[in-house]
Amino acid sequence: MEAYKKLVVIVALVLLTLAIESEALLVNNEQSFCRMTKEGLNACAPAVSGQNPLPPSALCCSALSMADFQCLCLFKKYSNLLSAYGIDPNLAMQLPAKCNLGQPIRC
């Protein structure tokens, strides 16, 4: 069973890498992840990481308004991957509510 979990994590990492690098994720000639640009993801980083996260910025909320929440939910299932990148999955799921974009993401 432990080997299966490791395999799932490895496959998820490979898929994450492919998704980030994929030309299929291009929007308006900008690379994106779940329809969020790299600039938007960077703007949201202070709100989803660290011991004392900051409130989401206007740029973060603007980027999040364009995000594909179903796509983001796929990565919540692998919260250990998000944690490896310094992202607190629970904080990330709360961003829509903090940005007044609706309820927290429920996956």
PDB file of N, CA and C in Angstrom:
ATOM      1  N   MET A   1       0.821  -1.192   0.000  1.00  0.00           N
ATOM      2  CA  MET A   1       0.000   0.000   0.000  1.00  0.00           C
ATOM      3  C   MET A   1       0.868   1.259   0.000  1.00  0.00           C
ATOM      4  N   GLU A   2       1.967   1.231   0.750  1.00  0.00           N
ATOM      5  CA  GLU A   2       2.877   2.379   0.802  1.00  0.00           C
ATOM      6  C   GLU A   2       3.470   2.655  -0.579  1.00  0.00           C
ATOM      7  N   ALA A   3       3.789   1.608  -1.308  1.00  0.00           N
ATOM      8  CA  ALA A   3       4.341   1.769  -2.652  1.00  0.00           C
ATOM      9  C   ALA A   3       3.319   2.426  -3.570  1.00  0.00           C
ATOM     10  N   TYR A   4       2.054   2.073  -3.389  1.00  0.00           N
ATOM     11  CA  TYR A   4       0.983   2.671  -4.194  1.00  0.00           C
ATOM     12  C   TYR A   4       0.894   4.174  -3.930  1.00  0.00           C
ATOM     13  N   LYS A   5       0.972   4.585  -2.667  1.00  0.00           N
ATOM     14  CA  LYS A   5       0.909   6.011  -2.325  1.00  0.00           C
ATOM     15  C   LYS A   5       2.072   6.762  -2.944  1.00  0.00           C
ATOM     16  N   LYS A   6       3.261   6.172  -2.906  1.00  0.00           N
ATOM     17  CA  LYS A   6       4.429   6.810  -3.510  1.00  0.00           C
ATOM     18  C   LYS A   6       4.239   6.961  -5.012  1.00  0.00           C
ATOM     19  N   LEU A   7       3.690   5.931  -5.633  1.00  0.00           N
ATOM     20  CA  LEU A   7       3.444   5.973  -7.072  1.00  0.00           C
ATOM     21  C   LEU A   7       2.458   7.089  -7.413  1.00  0.00           C
ATOM     22  N   VAL A   8       1.393   7.220  -6.611  1.00  0.00           N
ATOM     23  CA  VAL A   8       0.403   8.272  -6.854  1.00  0.00           C
ATOM     24  C   VAL A   8       1.053   9.643  -6.740  1.00  0.00           C
ATOM     25  N   VAL A   9       1.902   9.841  -5.749  1.00  0.00           N
ATOM     26  CA  VAL A   9       2.583  11.125  -5.569  1.00  0.00           C
ATOM     27  C   VAL A   9       3.510  11.409  -6.752  1.00  0.00           C
ATOM     28  N   ILE A  10       4.239  10.414  -7.201  1.00  0.00           N
ATOM     29  CA  ILE A  10       5.148  10.591  -8.336  1.00  0.00           C
ATOM     30  C   ILE A  10       4.366  10.944  -9.595  1.00  0.00           C
ATOM     31  N   VAL A  11       3.275  10.228  -9.838  1.00  0.00           N
ATOM     32  CA  VAL A  11       2.449  10.500 -11.014  1.00  0.00           C
ATOM     33  C   VAL A  11       1.869  11.913 -10.922  1.00  0.00           C
ATOM     34  N   ALA A  12       1.408  12.298  -9.736  1.00  0.00           N
ATOM     35  CA  ALA A  12       0.859  13.641  -9.561  1.00  0.00           C
ATOM     36  C   ALA A  12       1.911  14.707  -9.824  1.00  0.00           C
ATOM     37  N   LEU A  13       3.146  14.483  -9.356  1.00  0.00           N
ATOM     38  CA  LEU A  13       4.221  15.441  -9.608  1.00  0.00           C
ATOM     39  C   LEU A  13       4.508  15.573 -11.099  1.00  0.00           C
ATOM     40  N   VAL A  14       4.531  14.443 -11.786  1.00  0.00           N
ATOM     41  CA  VAL A  14       4.772  14.465 -13.230  1.00  0.00           C
ATOM     42  C   VAL A  14       3.649  15.220 -13.931  1.00  0.00           C
ATOM     43  N   LEU A  15       2.400  14.951 -13.543  1.00  0.00           N
ATOM     44  CA  LEU A  15       1.270  15.634 -14.164  1.00  0.00           C
ATOM     45  C   LEU A  15       1.295  17.127 -13.867  1.00  0.00           C
ATOM     46  N   LEU A  16       1.652  17.476 -12.657  1.00  0.00           N
ATOM     47  CA  LEU A  16       1.755  18.887 -12.290  1.00  0.00           C
ATOM     48  C   LEU A  16       2.809  19.579 -13.143  1.00  0.00           C
ATOM     49  N   THR A  17       3.950  18.946 -13.291  1.00  0.00           N
ATOM     50  CA  THR A  17       5.022  19.509 -14.104  1.00  0.00           C
ATOM     51  C   THR A  17       4.584  19.666 -15.554  1.00  0.00           C
ATOM     52  N   LEU A  18       3.934  18.642 -16.082  1.00  0.00           N
ATOM     53  CA  LEU A  18       3.464  18.719 -17.463  1.00  0.00           C
ATOM     54  C   LEU A  18       2.407  19.801 -17.629  1.00  0.00           C
ATOM     55  N   ALA A  19       1.525  19.910 -16.659  1.00  0.00           N
ATOM     56  CA  ALA A  19       0.465  20.913 -16.744  1.00  0.00           C
ATOM     57  C   ALA A  19       1.042  22.318 -16.736  1.00  0.00           C
ATOM     58  N   ILE A  20       2.011  22.544 -15.887  1.00  0.00           N
ATOM     59  CA  ILE A  20       2.605  23.873 -15.787  1.00  0.00           C
ATOM     60  C   ILE A  20       3.356  24.228 -17.065  1.00  0.00           C
ATOM     61  N   GLU A  21       4.031  23.264 -17.647  1.00  0.00           N
ATOM     62  CA  GLU A  21       4.835  23.510 -18.837  1.00  0.00           C
ATOM     63  C   GLU A  21       4.048  23.400 -20.138  1.00  0.00           C
ATOM     64  N   SER A  22       2.829  22.915 -20.080  1.00  0.00           N
ATOM     65  CA  SER A  22       2.059  22.605 -21.280  1.00  0.00           C
ATOM     66  C   SER A  22       1.686  23.851 -22.074  1.00  0.00           C
ATOM     67  N   GLU A  23       1.803  23.761 -23.363  1.00  0.00           N
ATOM     68  CA  GLU A  23       1.353  24.838 -24.239  1.00  0.00           C
ATOM     69  C   GLU A  23      -0.172  24.927 -24.216  1.00  0.00           C
ATOM     70  N   ALA A  24      -0.846  23.848 -23.827  1.00  0.00           N
ATOM     71  CA  ALA A  24      -2.306  23.842 -23.783  1.00  0.00           C
ATOM     72  C   ALA A  24      -2.840  24.791 -22.727  1.00  0.00           C
ATOM     73  N   LEU A  25      -2.018  25.222 -21.807  1.00  0.00           N
ATOM     74  CA  LEU A  25      -2.467  26.110 -20.748  1.00  0.00           C
ATOM     75  C   LEU A  25      -2.238  27.581 -21.085  1.00  0.00           C
ATOM     76  N   LEU A  26      -1.864  27.873 -22.304  1.00  0.00           N
ATOM     77  CA  LEU A  26      -1.627  29.261 -22.684  1.00  0.00           C
ATOM     78  C   LEU A  26      -2.942  30.013 -22.855  1.00  0.00           C
ATOM     79  N   VAL A  27      -3.004  31.190 -22.263  1.00  0.00           N
ATOM     80  CA  VAL A  27      -4.163  32.058 -22.375  1.00  0.00           C
ATOM     81  C   VAL A  27      -3.632  33.439 -22.735  1.00  0.00           C
ATOM     82  N   ASN A  28      -4.108  33.988 -23.859  1.00  0.00           N
ATOM     83  CA  ASN A  28      -3.639  35.302 -24.310  1.00  0.00           C
ATOM     84  C   ASN A  28      -2.112  35.376 -24.351  1.00  0.00           C
ATOM     85  N   ASN A  29      -1.488  34.322 -24.834  1.00  0.00           N
ATOM     86  CA  ASN A  29      -0.037  34.226 -24.967  1.00  0.00           C
ATOM     87  C   ASN A  29       0.702  34.299 -23.630  1.00  0.00           C
ATOM     88  N   GLU A  30       0.025  34.084 -22.533  1.00  0.00           N
ATOM     89  CA  GLU A  30       0.669  34.042 -21.225  1.00  0.00           C
ATOM     90  C   GLU A  30       0.499  32.631 -20.668  1.00  0.00           C
ATOM     91  N   GLN A  31       1.554  32.132 -20.050  1.00  0.00           N
ATOM     92  CA  GLN A  31       1.453  30.831 -19.442  1.00  0.00           C
ATOM     93  C   GLN A  31       0.551  30.924 -18.216  1.00  0.00           C
ATOM     94  N   SER A  32      -0.309  29.923 -18.031  1.00  0.00           N
ATOM     95  CA  SER A  32      -1.211  29.964 -16.894  1.00  0.00           C
ATOM     96  C   SER A  32      -1.343  28.589 -16.262  1.00  0.00           C
ATOM     97  N   PHE A  33      -1.884  28.590 -15.070  1.00  0.00           N
ATOM     98  CA  PHE A  33      -2.120  27.369 -14.308  1.00  0.00           C
ATOM     99  C   PHE A  33      -3.550  27.466 -13.798  1.00  0.00           C
ATOM    100  N   CYS A  34      -4.408  26.561 -14.250  1.00  0.00           N
ATOM    101  CA  CYS A  34      -5.835  26.608 -13.899  1.00  0.00           C
ATOM    102  C   CYS A  34      -6.411  27.986 -14.206  1.00  0.00           C
ATOM    103  N   ARG A  35      -6.002  28.544 -15.333  1.00  0.00           N
ATOM    104  CA  ARG A  35      -6.419  29.862 -15.835  1.00  0.00           C
ATOM    105  C   ARG A  35      -5.949  31.023 -14.973  1.00  0.00           C
ATOM    106  N   MET A  36      -4.915  30.815 -14.186  1.00  0.00           N
ATOM    107  CA  MET A  36      -4.288  31.911 -13.437  1.00  0.00           C
ATOM    108  C   MET A  36      -2.880  32.087 -13.978  1.00  0.00           C
ATOM    109  N   THR A  37      -2.520  33.333 -14.283  1.00  0.00           N
ATOM    110  CA  THR A  37      -1.184  33.599 -14.798  1.00  0.00           C
ATOM    111  C   THR A  37      -0.151  33.430 -13.688  1.00  0.00           C
ATOM    112  N   LYS A  38       1.095  33.335 -14.086  1.00  0.00           N
ATOM    113  CA  LYS A  38       2.175  33.244 -13.105  1.00  0.00           C
ATOM    114  C   LYS A  38       2.171  34.487 -12.211  1.00  0.00           C
ATOM    115  N   GLU A  39       1.902  35.642 -12.801  1.00  0.00           N
ATOM    116  CA  GLU A  39       1.831  36.887 -12.029  1.00  0.00           C
ATOM    117  C   GLU A  39       0.715  36.806 -10.982  1.00  0.00           C
ATOM    118  N   GLY A  40      -0.434  36.268 -11.373  1.00  0.00           N
ATOM    119  CA  GLY A  40      -1.551  36.117 -10.445  1.00  0.00           C
ATOM    120  C   GLY A  40      -1.243  35.129  -9.330  1.00  0.00           C
ATOM    121  N   LEU A  41      -0.602  34.015  -9.695  1.00  0.00           N
ATOM    122  CA  LEU A  41      -0.216  33.032  -8.676  1.00  0.00           C
ATOM    123  C   LEU A  41       0.762  33.643  -7.681  1.00  0.00           C
ATOM    124  N   ASN A  42       1.726  34.394  -8.209  1.00  0.00           N
ATOM    125  CA  ASN A  42       2.700  35.050  -7.326  1.00  0.00           C
ATOM    126  C   ASN A  42       2.030  36.069  -6.420  1.00  0.00           C
ATOM    127  N   ALA A  43       1.022  36.762  -6.944  1.00  0.00           N
ATOM    128  CA  ALA A  43       0.314  37.755  -6.136  1.00  0.00           C
ATOM    129  C   ALA A  43      -0.457  37.086  -4.992  1.00  0.00           C
ATOM    130  N   CYS A  44      -0.893  35.866  -5.204  1.00  0.00           N
ATOM    131  CA  CYS A  44      -1.654  35.145  -4.170  1.00  0.00           C
ATOM    132  C   CYS A  44      -0.762  34.426  -3.168  1.00  0.00           C
ATOM    133  N   ALA A  45       0.502  34.249  -3.494  1.00  0.00           N
ATOM    134  CA  ALA A  45       1.397  33.478  -2.625  1.00  0.00           C
ATOM    135  C   ALA A  45       1.420  33.968  -1.177  1.00  0.00           C
ATOM    136  N   PRO A  46       1.509  35.276  -0.911  1.00  0.00           N
ATOM    137  CA  PRO A  46       1.545  35.711   0.496  1.00  0.00           C
ATOM    138  C   PRO A  46       0.266  35.383   1.273  1.00  0.00           C
ATOM    139  N   ALA A  47      -0.839  35.179   0.562  1.00  0.00           N
ATOM    140  CA  ALA A  47      -2.119  34.889   1.217  1.00  0.00           C
ATOM    141  C   ALA A  47      -2.313  33.409   1.514  1.00  0.00           C
ATOM    142  N   VAL A  48      -1.460  32.553   0.962  1.00  0.00           N
ATOM    143  CA  VAL A  48      -1.658  31.107   1.141  1.00  0.00           C
ATOM    144  C   VAL A  48      -0.431  30.411   1.712  1.00  0.00           C
ATOM    145  N   SER A  49       0.536  31.182   2.160  1.00  0.00           N
ATOM    146  CA  SER A  49       1.759  30.559   2.661  1.00  0.00           C
ATOM    147  C   SER A  49       2.220  31.219   3.943  1.00  0.00           C
ATOM    148  N   GLY A  50       3.073  30.527   4.639  1.00  0.00           N
ATOM    149  CA  GLY A  50       3.678  31.071   5.847  1.00  0.00           C
ATOM    150  C   GLY A  50       2.814  30.927   7.080  1.00  0.00           C
ATOM    151  N   GLN A  51       3.414  31.276   8.207  1.00  0.00           N
ATOM    152  CA  GLN A  51       2.721  31.191   9.486  1.00  0.00           C
ATOM    153  C   GLN A  51       1.705  32.315   9.658  1.00  0.00           C
ATOM    154  N   ASN A  52       1.988  33.474   9.082  1.00  0.00           N
ATOM    155  CA  ASN A  52       1.113  34.637   9.204  1.00  0.00           C
ATOM    156  C   ASN A  52       0.733  35.135   7.816  1.00  0.00           C
ATOM    157  N   PRO A  53      -0.206  34.445   7.151  1.00  0.00           N
ATOM    158  CA  PRO A  53      -0.555  34.850   5.790  1.00  0.00           C
ATOM    159  C   PRO A  53      -1.177  36.245   5.757  1.00  0.00           C
ATOM    160  N   LEU A  54      -0.917  36.943   4.686  1.00  0.00           N
ATOM    161  CA  LEU A  54      -1.469  38.285   4.476  1.00  0.00           C
ATOM    162  C   LEU A  54      -2.832  38.179   3.806  1.00  0.00           C
ATOM    163  N   PRO A  55      -3.652  39.210   3.903  1.00  0.00           N
ATOM    164  CA  PRO A  55      -4.907  39.217   3.138  1.00  0.00           C
ATOM    165  C   PRO A  55      -4.579  39.208   1.645  1.00  0.00           C
ATOM    166  N   PRO A  56      -5.444  38.624   0.822  1.00  0.00           N
ATOM    167  CA  PRO A  56      -5.164  38.612  -0.615  1.00  0.00           C
ATOM    168  C   PRO A  56      -5.175  40.026  -1.181  1.00  0.00           C
ATOM    169  N   SER A  57      -4.251  40.286  -2.085  1.00  0.00           N
ATOM    170  CA  SER A  57      -4.155  41.596  -2.732  1.00  0.00           C
ATOM    171  C   SER A  57      -5.223  41.721  -3.815  1.00  0.00           C
ATOM    172  N   ALA A  58      -5.405  42.940  -4.294  1.00  0.00           N
ATOM    173  CA  ALA A  58      -6.348  43.182  -5.389  1.00  0.00           C
ATOM    174  C   ALA A  58      -5.932  42.404  -6.633  1.00  0.00           C
ATOM    175  N   LEU A  59      -4.622  42.341  -6.896  1.00  0.00           N
ATOM    176  CA  LEU A  59      -4.130  41.586  -8.056  1.00  0.00           C
ATOM    177  C   LEU A  59      -4.435  40.099  -7.894  1.00  0.00           C
ATOM    178  N   CYS A  60      -4.248  39.574  -6.696  1.00  0.00           N
ATOM    179  CA  CYS A  60      -4.565  38.173  -6.420  1.00  0.00           C
ATOM    180  C   CYS A  60      -6.045  37.912  -6.683  1.00  0.00           C
ATOM    181  N   CYS A  61      -6.901  38.754  -6.132  1.00  0.00           N
ATOM    182  CA  CYS A  61      -8.345  38.561  -6.288  1.00  0.00           C
ATOM    183  C   CYS A  61      -8.772  38.676  -7.746  1.00  0.00           C
ATOM    184  N   SER A  62      -8.162  39.599  -8.467  1.00  0.00           N
ATOM    185  CA  SER A  62      -8.467  39.737  -9.890  1.00  0.00           C
ATOM    186  C   SER A  62      -8.082  38.472 -10.646  1.00  0.00           C
ATOM    187  N   ALA A  63      -6.896  37.948 -10.365  1.00  0.00           N
ATOM    188  CA  ALA A  63      -6.445  36.716 -11.017  1.00  0.00           C
ATOM    189  C   ALA A  63      -7.337  35.551 -10.633  1.00  0.00           C
ATOM    190  N   LEU A  64      -7.728  35.500  -9.373  1.00  0.00           N
ATOM    191  CA  LEU A  64      -8.559  34.405  -8.884  1.00  0.00           C
ATOM    192  C   LEU A  64      -9.945  34.433  -9.511  1.00  0.00           C
ATOM    193  N   SER A  65     -10.416  35.616  -9.880  1.00  0.00           N
ATOM    194  CA  SER A  65     -11.743  35.722 -10.496  1.00  0.00           C
ATOM    195  C   SER A  65     -11.792  35.011 -11.842  1.00  0.00           C
ATOM    196  N   MET A  66     -10.633  34.781 -12.450  1.00  0.00           N
ATOM    197  CA  MET A  66     -10.557  34.092 -13.740  1.00  0.00           C
ATOM    198  C   MET A  66     -10.210  32.611 -13.595  1.00  0.00           C
ATOM    199  N   ALA A  67      -9.946  32.167 -12.369  1.00  0.00           N
ATOM    200  CA  ALA A  67      -9.446  30.808 -12.136  1.00  0.00           C
ATOM    201  C   ALA A  67     -10.503  29.743 -12.401  1.00  0.00           C
ATOM    202  N   ASP A  68     -10.021  28.584 -12.767  1.00  0.00           N
ATOM    203  CA  ASP A  68     -10.854  27.397 -12.940  1.00  0.00           C
ATOM    204  C   ASP A  68     -10.808  26.626 -11.620  1.00  0.00           C
ATOM    205  N   PHE A  69     -11.847  26.766 -10.803  1.00  0.00           N
ATOM    206  CA  PHE A  69     -11.852  26.165  -9.475  1.00  0.00           C
ATOM    207  C   PHE A  69     -11.854  24.642  -9.524  1.00  0.00           C
ATOM    208  N   GLN A  70     -12.480  24.063 -10.535  1.00  0.00           N
ATOM    209  CA  GLN A  70     -12.463  22.594 -10.647  1.00  0.00           C
ATOM    210  C   GLN A  70     -11.046  22.102 -10.888  1.00  0.00           C
ATOM    211  N   CYS A  71     -10.295  22.843 -11.670  1.00  0.00           N
ATOM    212  CA  CYS A  71      -8.889  22.509 -11.900  1.00  0.00           C
ATOM    213  C   CYS A  71      -8.112  22.604 -10.597  1.00  0.00           C
ATOM    214  N   LEU A  72      -8.351  23.671  -9.837  1.00  0.00           N
ATOM    215  CA  LEU A  72      -7.655  23.840  -8.565  1.00  0.00           C
ATOM    216  C   LEU A  72      -8.005  22.727  -7.584  1.00  0.00           C
ATOM    217  N   CYS A  73      -9.240  22.239  -7.652  1.00  0.00           N
ATOM    218  CA  CYS A  73      -9.662  21.152  -6.765  1.00  0.00           C
ATOM    219  C   CYS A  73      -8.844  19.877  -7.002  1.00  0.00           C
ATOM    220  N   LEU A  74      -8.430  19.668  -8.223  1.00  0.00           N
ATOM    221  CA  LEU A  74      -7.613  18.485  -8.507  1.00  0.00           C
ATOM    222  C   LEU A  74      -6.332  18.501  -7.681  1.00  0.00           C
ATOM    223  N   PHE A  75      -5.796  19.686  -7.460  1.00  0.00           N
ATOM    224  CA  PHE A  75      -4.542  19.781  -6.720  1.00  0.00           C
ATOM    225  C   PHE A  75      -4.750  19.745  -5.216  1.00  0.00           C
ATOM    226  N   LYS A  76      -5.950  20.072  -4.755  1.00  0.00           N
ATOM    227  CA  LYS A  76      -6.227  19.988  -3.323  1.00  0.00           C
ATOM    228  C   LYS A  76      -6.161  18.538  -2.867  1.00  0.00           C
ATOM    229  N   LYS A  77      -6.566  17.627  -3.756  1.00  0.00           N
ATOM    230  CA  LYS A  77      -6.522  16.201  -3.417  1.00  0.00           C
ATOM    231  C   LYS A  77      -5.096  15.759  -3.091  1.00  0.00           C
ATOM    232  N   TYR A  78      -4.135  16.465  -3.638  1.00  0.00           N
ATOM    233  CA  TYR A  78      -2.733  16.145  -3.399  1.00  0.00           C
ATOM    234  C   TYR A  78      -2.126  17.272  -2.572  1.00  0.00           C
ATOM    235  N   SER A  79      -2.738  17.532  -1.415  1.00  0.00           N
ATOM    236  CA  SER A  79      -2.334  18.667  -0.585  1.00  0.00           C
ATOM    237  C   SER A  79      -0.879  18.587  -0.163  1.00  0.00           C
ATOM    238  N   ASN A  80      -0.309  17.374  -0.115  1.00  0.00           N
ATOM    239  CA  ASN A  80       1.111  17.276   0.234  1.00  0.00           C
ATOM    240  C   ASN A  80       1.980  17.907  -0.848  1.00  0.00           C
ATOM    241  N   LEU A  81       1.509  17.898  -2.092  1.00  0.00           N
ATOM    242  CA  LEU A  81       2.252  18.562  -3.170  1.00  0.00           C
ATOM    243  C   LEU A  81       2.201  20.070  -2.983  1.00  0.00           C
ATOM    244  N   LEU A  82       1.023  20.572  -2.647  1.00  0.00           N
ATOM    245  CA  LEU A  82       0.894  22.011  -2.419  1.00  0.00           C
ATOM    246  C   LEU A  82       1.767  22.437  -1.250  1.00  0.00           C
ATOM    247  N   SER A  83       1.740  21.640  -0.192  1.00  0.00           N
ATOM    248  CA  SER A  83       2.550  21.951   0.983  1.00  0.00           C
ATOM    249  C   SER A  83       4.030  21.989   0.646  1.00  0.00           C
ATOM    250  N   ALA A  84       4.451  21.128  -0.275  1.00  0.00           N
ATOM    251  CA  ALA A  84       5.858  21.102  -0.679  1.00  0.00           C
ATOM    252  C   ALA A  84       6.265  22.417  -1.338  1.00  0.00           C
ATOM    253  N   TYR A  85       5.302  23.118  -1.915  1.00  0.00           N
ATOM    254  CA  TYR A  85       5.570  24.413  -2.536  1.00  0.00           C
ATOM    255  C   TYR A  85       5.250  25.570  -1.596  1.00  0.00           C
ATOM    256  N   GLY A  86       5.009  25.265  -0.320  1.00  0.00           N
ATOM    257  CA  GLY A  86       4.753  26.299   0.671  1.00  0.00           C
ATOM    258  C   GLY A  86       3.336  26.831   0.668  1.00  0.00           C
ATOM    259  N   ILE A  87       2.434  26.102   0.023  1.00  0.00           N
ATOM    260  CA  ILE A  87       1.040  26.529  -0.064  1.00  0.00           C
ATOM    261  C   ILE A  87       0.222  25.766   0.962  1.00  0.00           C
ATOM    262  N   ASP A  88      -0.518  26.488   1.787  1.00  0.00           N
ATOM    263  CA  ASP A  88      -1.433  25.865   2.730  1.00  0.00           C
ATOM    264  C   ASP A  88      -2.749  25.637   1.988  1.00  0.00           C
ATOM    265  N   PRO A  89      -3.103  24.372   1.707  1.00  0.00           N
ATOM    266  CA  PRO A  89      -4.319  24.092   0.918  1.00  0.00           C
ATOM    267  C   PRO A  89      -5.583  24.687   1.536  1.00  0.00           C
ATOM    268  N   ASN A  90      -5.667  24.705   2.854  1.00  0.00           N
ATOM    269  CA  ASN A  90      -6.857  25.260   3.502  1.00  0.00           C
ATOM    270  C   ASN A  90      -6.967  26.762   3.261  1.00  0.00           C
ATOM    271  N   LEU A  91      -5.848  27.467   3.333  1.00  0.00           N
ATOM    272  CA  LEU A  91      -5.859  28.904   3.037  1.00  0.00           C
ATOM    273  C   LEU A  91      -6.212  29.154   1.574  1.00  0.00           C
ATOM    274  N   ALA A  92      -5.687  28.324   0.699  1.00  0.00           N
ATOM    275  CA  ALA A  92      -5.959  28.478  -0.731  1.00  0.00           C
ATOM    276  C   ALA A  92      -7.448  28.314  -1.031  1.00  0.00           C
ATOM    277  N   MET A  93      -8.097  27.363  -0.366  1.00  0.00           N
ATOM    278  CA  MET A  93      -9.516  27.120  -0.609  1.00  0.00           C
ATOM    279  C   MET A  93     -10.386  28.250  -0.045  1.00  0.00           C
ATOM    280  N   GLN A  94      -9.843  29.048   0.866  1.00  0.00           N
ATOM    281  CA  GLN A  94     -10.591  30.158   1.461  1.00  0.00           C
ATOM    282  C   GLN A  94     -10.483  31.450   0.646  1.00  0.00           C
ATOM    283  N   LEU A  95      -9.565  31.486  -0.315  1.00  0.00           N
ATOM    284  CA  LEU A  95      -9.338  32.728  -1.062  1.00  0.00           C
ATOM    285  C   LEU A  95     -10.576  33.293  -1.746  1.00  0.00           C
ATOM    286  N   PRO A  96     -11.418  32.478  -2.408  1.00  0.00           N
ATOM    287  CA  PRO A  96     -12.589  33.083  -3.068  1.00  0.00           C
ATOM    288  C   PRO A  96     -13.465  33.872  -2.097  1.00  0.00           C
ATOM    289  N   ALA A  97     -13.685  33.335  -0.912  1.00  0.00           N
ATOM    290  CA  ALA A  97     -14.498  34.054   0.075  1.00  0.00           C
ATOM    291  C   ALA A  97     -13.791  35.325   0.529  1.00  0.00           C
ATOM    292  N   LYS A  98     -12.482  35.257   0.724  1.00  0.00           N
ATOM    293  CA  LYS A  98     -11.724  36.431   1.156  1.00  0.00           C
ATOM    294  C   LYS A  98     -11.693  37.509   0.078  1.00  0.00           C
ATOM    295  N   CYS A  99     -11.830  37.094  -1.169  1.00  0.00           N
ATOM    296  CA  CYS A  99     -11.853  38.040  -2.295  1.00  0.00           C
ATOM    297  C   CYS A  99     -13.284  38.431  -2.684  1.00  0.00           C
ATOM    298  N   ASN A 100     -14.247  38.016  -1.887  1.00  0.00           N
ATOM    299  CA  ASN A 100     -15.663  38.292  -2.180  1.00  0.00           C
ATOM    300  C   ASN A 100     -16.092  37.735  -3.527  1.00  0.00           C
ATOM    301  N   LEU A 101     -15.588  36.539  -3.838  1.00  0.00           N
ATOM    302  CA  LEU A 101     -15.946  35.861  -5.093  1.00  0.00           C
ATOM    303  C   LEU A 101     -16.903  34.703  -4.844  1.00  0.00           C
ATOM    304  N   GLY A 102     -17.440  34.623  -3.670  1.00  0.00           N
ATOM    305  CA  GLY A 102     -18.345  33.528  -3.325  1.00  0.00           C
ATOM    306  C   GLY A 102     -17.835  32.765  -2.129  1.00  0.00           C
ATOM    307  N   GLN A 103     -18.365  31.594  -1.965  1.00  0.00           N
ATOM    308  CA  GLN A 103     -18.015  30.737  -0.841  1.00  0.00           C
ATOM    309  C   GLN A 103     -16.616  30.156  -1.028  1.00  0.00           C
ATOM    310  N   PRO A 104     -16.022  29.655   0.076  1.00  0.00           N
ATOM    311  CA  PRO A 104     -14.747  28.938  -0.090  1.00  0.00           C
ATOM    312  C   PRO A 104     -14.935  27.777  -1.069  1.00  0.00           C
ATOM    313  N   ILE A 105     -13.862  27.398  -1.722  1.00  0.00           N
ATOM    314  CA  ILE A 105     -13.931  26.299  -2.673  1.00  0.00           C
ATOM    315  C   ILE A 105     -14.222  25.013  -1.921  1.00  0.00           C
ATOM    316  N   ARG A 106     -15.199  24.279  -2.381  1.00  0.00           N
ATOM    317  CA  ARG A 106     -15.531  22.978  -1.791  1.00  0.00           C
ATOM    318  C   ARG A 106     -15.252  21.920  -2.853  1.00  0.00           C
ATOM    319  N   CYS A 107     -14.304  21.093  -2.557  1.00  0.00           N
ATOM    320  CA  CYS A 107     -13.905  20.061  -3.535  1.00  0.00           C
ATOM    321  C   CYS A 107     -14.435  18.703  -3.103  1.00  0.00           C
TER     322      CYS A 107
END
